[in-house]
Protein backbone atom coordinates (compact mmCIF):
# COMPACT_ATOMS: atom_id res chain seq x y z
CA MET A 1 0.05 0.01 0.01
CA ASN A 2 2.81 2.84 0.60
CA HIS A 3 4.41 1.72 -2.05
CA THR A 4 1.44 2.33 -4.43
CA ILE A 5 1.27 5.74 -2.46
CA ASN A 6 4.72 6.43 -2.96
CA CYS A 7 4.77 5.76 -6.98
CA ARG A 8 1.73 7.99 -7.27
CA TRP A 9 3.60 10.98 -5.58
CA ILE A 10 6.58 10.14 -8.09
CA PHE A 11 4.49 10.46 -10.85
CA LEU A 12 2.60 13.66 -9.69
CA VAL A 13 5.92 15.38 -9.18
CA LEU A 14 7.33 14.10 -12.22
CA LEU A 15 4.16 15.47 -14.25
CA LEU A 16 4.17 18.97 -12.62
CA ILE A 17 7.87 18.98 -13.61
CA ALA A 18 7.06 18.36 -16.89
CA LYS A 19 4.02 20.96 -17.46
CA CYS A 20 6.56 23.44 -15.85
CA SER A 21 9.20 23.06 -18.63
CA ASN A 22 6.47 23.13 -21.05
CA ALA A 23 5.17 26.70 -19.65
CA GLN A 24 8.68 27.81 -19.59
CA ASP A 25 8.86 27.33 -23.47
CA HIS A 26 5.86 29.68 -23.62
CA ASN A 27 8.49 32.23 -22.88
CA THR A 28 11.28 31.72 -24.74
CA TYR A 29 11.96 34.17 -27.59
CA GLN A 30 11.83 33.04 -30.94
CA ALA A 31 15.13 33.89 -33.12
CA ALA A 32 15.80 34.35 -36.40
CA ASP A 33 18.97 34.98 -38.64
CA ALA A 34 19.44 38.18 -40.13
CA VAL A 35 21.66 39.74 -42.91
CA VAL A 36 24.27 42.49 -42.70
CA LEU A 37 24.63 44.11 -46.22
CA GLN A 38 27.95 46.49 -46.83
CA VAL A 39 27.27 48.85 -49.63
CA ASN A 40 30.46 50.83 -50.84
CA GLU A 41 30.49 51.99 -54.26
CA ASN A 42 30.73 49.03 -56.51
CA THR A 43 31.43 46.08 -54.00
CA ARG A 44 28.23 44.40 -51.83
CA VAL A 45 29.57 42.32 -49.03
CA GLU A 46 26.87 40.31 -47.50
CA ASN A 47 27.28 38.25 -43.64
CA ARG A 48 25.06 36.14 -41.90
CA LEU A 49 23.51 37.90 -38.30
CA LYS A 50 22.19 34.62 -36.19
CA GLY A 51 19.65 35.50 -33.25
CA ALA A 52 17.66 38.30 -34.47
CA ILE A 53 14.89 39.00 -31.81
CA LEU A 54 11.45 41.25 -32.61
CA THR A 55 9.90 41.76 -29.14
CA LEU A 56 6.36 43.86 -29.49
CA PRO A 57 5.28 44.40 -25.11
CA ASN A 58 1.27 43.59 -24.87
CA ASN A 59 -0.60 46.90 -25.32
CA SER A 60 2.15 48.57 -26.95
CA THR A 61 3.01 50.01 -30.15
CA GLN A 62 6.94 50.07 -29.74
CA LEU A 63 8.88 47.04 -31.83
CA ASN A 64 12.14 46.25 -30.47
CA LEU A 65 14.72 45.00 -32.47
CA ARG A 66 17.86 42.80 -30.78
CA LEU A 67 20.74 41.42 -32.29
CA ARG A 68 24.81 41.69 -32.01
CA ILE A 69 26.72 42.18 -35.04
CA PRO A 70 30.51 41.14 -35.19
CA SER A 71 33.02 44.07 -34.93
CA HIS A 72 34.93 42.65 -37.24
CA LEU A 73 31.76 43.14 -39.94
CA ILE A 74 31.96 46.26 -39.62
CA ASN A 75 35.82 47.14 -40.08
CA TYR A 76 36.09 48.36 -36.53
CA ASN A 77 39.21 48.16 -35.06
CA PRO A 78 39.93 49.77 -31.63
CA ALA A 79 43.20 51.69 -31.28
CA ASP A 80 42.68 51.14 -27.29
CA ASN A 81 42.01 48.16 -27.01
CA ALA A 82 44.90 46.22 -29.94
CA GLY A 83 44.92 42.47 -29.46
CA VAL A 84 42.14 42.35 -27.28
CA SER A 85 39.13 40.81 -29.37
CA SER A 86 35.84 42.47 -29.04
CA PRO A 87 32.40 40.26 -28.70
CA GLY A 88 30.82 42.78 -31.26
CA PHE A 89 28.30 45.08 -31.04
CA SER A 90 24.70 45.13 -29.40
CA PHE A 91 22.03 46.31 -32.14
CA ASN A 92 19.08 47.48 -30.63
CA LEU A 93 16.54 49.24 -32.62
CA LYS A 94 13.31 50.79 -31.30
CA ILE A 95 10.41 51.87 -33.90
CA ASN A 96 6.73 52.93 -33.26
CA ILE A 97 3.78 50.75 -35.24
CA ASP A 98 0.42 50.56 -35.40
CA PRO A 99 -0.48 46.74 -34.74
CA HIS A 100 -4.02 47.67 -35.91
CA GLU A 101 -2.87 48.93 -38.83
CA ILE A 102 -0.57 45.77 -39.57
CA GLN A 103 -3.63 43.64 -39.34
CA GLU A 104 -5.72 45.59 -41.55
CA TYR A 105 -2.93 45.44 -44.37
CA LEU A 106 -1.57 41.94 -43.39
CA THR A 107 -2.38 40.05 -46.98
CA SER A 108 -1.96 42.84 -48.80
CA ALA A 109 1.81 42.98 -49.02
CA LYS A 110 2.06 46.69 -48.16
CA THR A 111 5.77 48.32 -47.78
CA PHE A 112 5.60 50.50 -44.34
CA VAL A 113 8.63 53.00 -44.57
CA THR A 114 9.02 54.93 -41.09
CA HIS A 115 12.58 55.91 -38.44
CA GLY A 116 13.84 54.66 -35.58
CA LEU A 117 16.21 54.82 -32.99
CA LEU A 118 18.89 52.44 -33.18
CA THR A 119 21.35 52.16 -30.49
CA LEU A 120 25.05 50.84 -31.61
CA ASN A 121 28.49 51.47 -29.88
CA GLY A 122 27.16 53.30 -27.17
CA THR A 123 25.35 56.25 -29.77
CA THR A 124 21.21 56.69 -30.59
CA LYS A 125 20.61 57.83 -33.73
CA GLN A 126 17.83 58.28 -36.06
CA VAL A 127 17.69 55.00 -38.84
CA MET A 128 15.29 54.82 -42.07
CA VAL A 129 13.47 51.26 -41.36
CA GLU A 130 11.26 49.68 -43.90
CA TYR A 131 9.06 46.92 -43.18
CA MET A 132 6.54 44.43 -44.62
CA PRO A 133 4.15 42.64 -42.30
CA LEU A 134 3.17 38.90 -43.21
CA PRO A 135 0.30 36.53 -41.68
CA ASN A 136 1.58 34.07 -38.78
CA GLY A 137 -1.24 31.60 -38.17
CA THR A 138 -4.96 32.34 -38.67
CA GLU A 139 -6.13 36.02 -38.94
CA LEU A 140 -8.17 35.63 -35.77
CA ASP A 141 -5.24 35.29 -33.47
CA GLY A 142 -3.33 38.80 -34.12
CA ASP A 143 0.07 37.19 -34.89
CA PHE A 144 2.09 38.46 -37.26
CA ASN A 145 5.78 37.95 -38.75
CA LEU A 146 7.86 40.71 -40.21
CA SER A 147 10.42 41.56 -42.77
CA MET A 148 13.11 44.00 -42.35
CA ASN A 149 15.16 46.42 -43.89
CA ILE A 150 17.35 49.15 -41.49
CA ARG A 151 20.02 51.20 -43.21
CA PHE A 152 22.72 53.02 -40.86
CA SER A 153 26.49 54.38 -41.75
CA PRO A 154 29.01 53.01 -39.57
CA GLY A 155 30.30 56.67 -39.44
CA ASP A 156 26.94 58.04 -37.42
CA PHE A 157 27.80 55.38 -34.84
CA ASN A 158 31.83 56.65 -34.84
CA LEU A 159 32.36 52.74 -35.89
CA ASP A 160 34.30 53.23 -39.43
CA ASP A 161 36.80 55.98 -40.38
CA GLN A 162 38.38 53.87 -43.30
CA HIS A 163 35.11 53.36 -44.91
CA THR A 164 32.85 56.65 -44.84
CA ASN A 165 30.96 56.24 -48.23
CA SER A 166 29.84 52.78 -46.79
CA LEU A 167 26.17 51.89 -46.22
CA PHE A 168 25.09 48.96 -43.87
CA ILE A 169 21.59 47.36 -44.59
CA ILE A 170 20.11 44.84 -41.85
CA MET A 171 18.19 42.47 -44.11
CA ILE A 172 15.47 40.65 -41.68
CA ASN A 173 13.16 37.81 -43.90
CA ASP A 174 9.44 36.63 -42.22
CA THR A 175 10.09 36.86 -38.76
CA PRO A 176 8.56 35.64 -35.74
CA VAL A 177 7.06 38.81 -33.51
CA ASN A 178 7.71 37.75 -29.65
CA ARG A 179 4.44 39.46 -27.76
CA ILE A 180 5.62 39.33 -24.33
């Protein structure tokens, strides 16, 4: 009899652990790949970036994009830290969107053009952002993905003196927007 009760308790504890681990999966962010394209006069260099995360807090109109750009991709060589490898730069973009307008144009392939605030290398500047909402799931869910192009010049963020004529474009395709 005691053996049966102990087995039931063990089963109950294992069941609760399994339920808790499923609840934690619900709160994890979906990340996607991005591409950084360097355009300089007649040359184009394209590199893949991993871990782009788009978030939209509940009842908010501020969309956030976070990713990491390796420092070697934007030709940054810190003079103070010669010989020290840099983990790269935190790329944080904030744009205001209208989720209701996005839902209205979700299946129309409409591209929105706006400005966002990009923080890179400790400097925040306004940058041009183009984005297109894409359906994700059913229309009743209200979920959507985004494709985006973000343009910036490394000189605006005190990053690159060598290539002052370079333009960088971060391209994100069909990335899930994480509701938090």
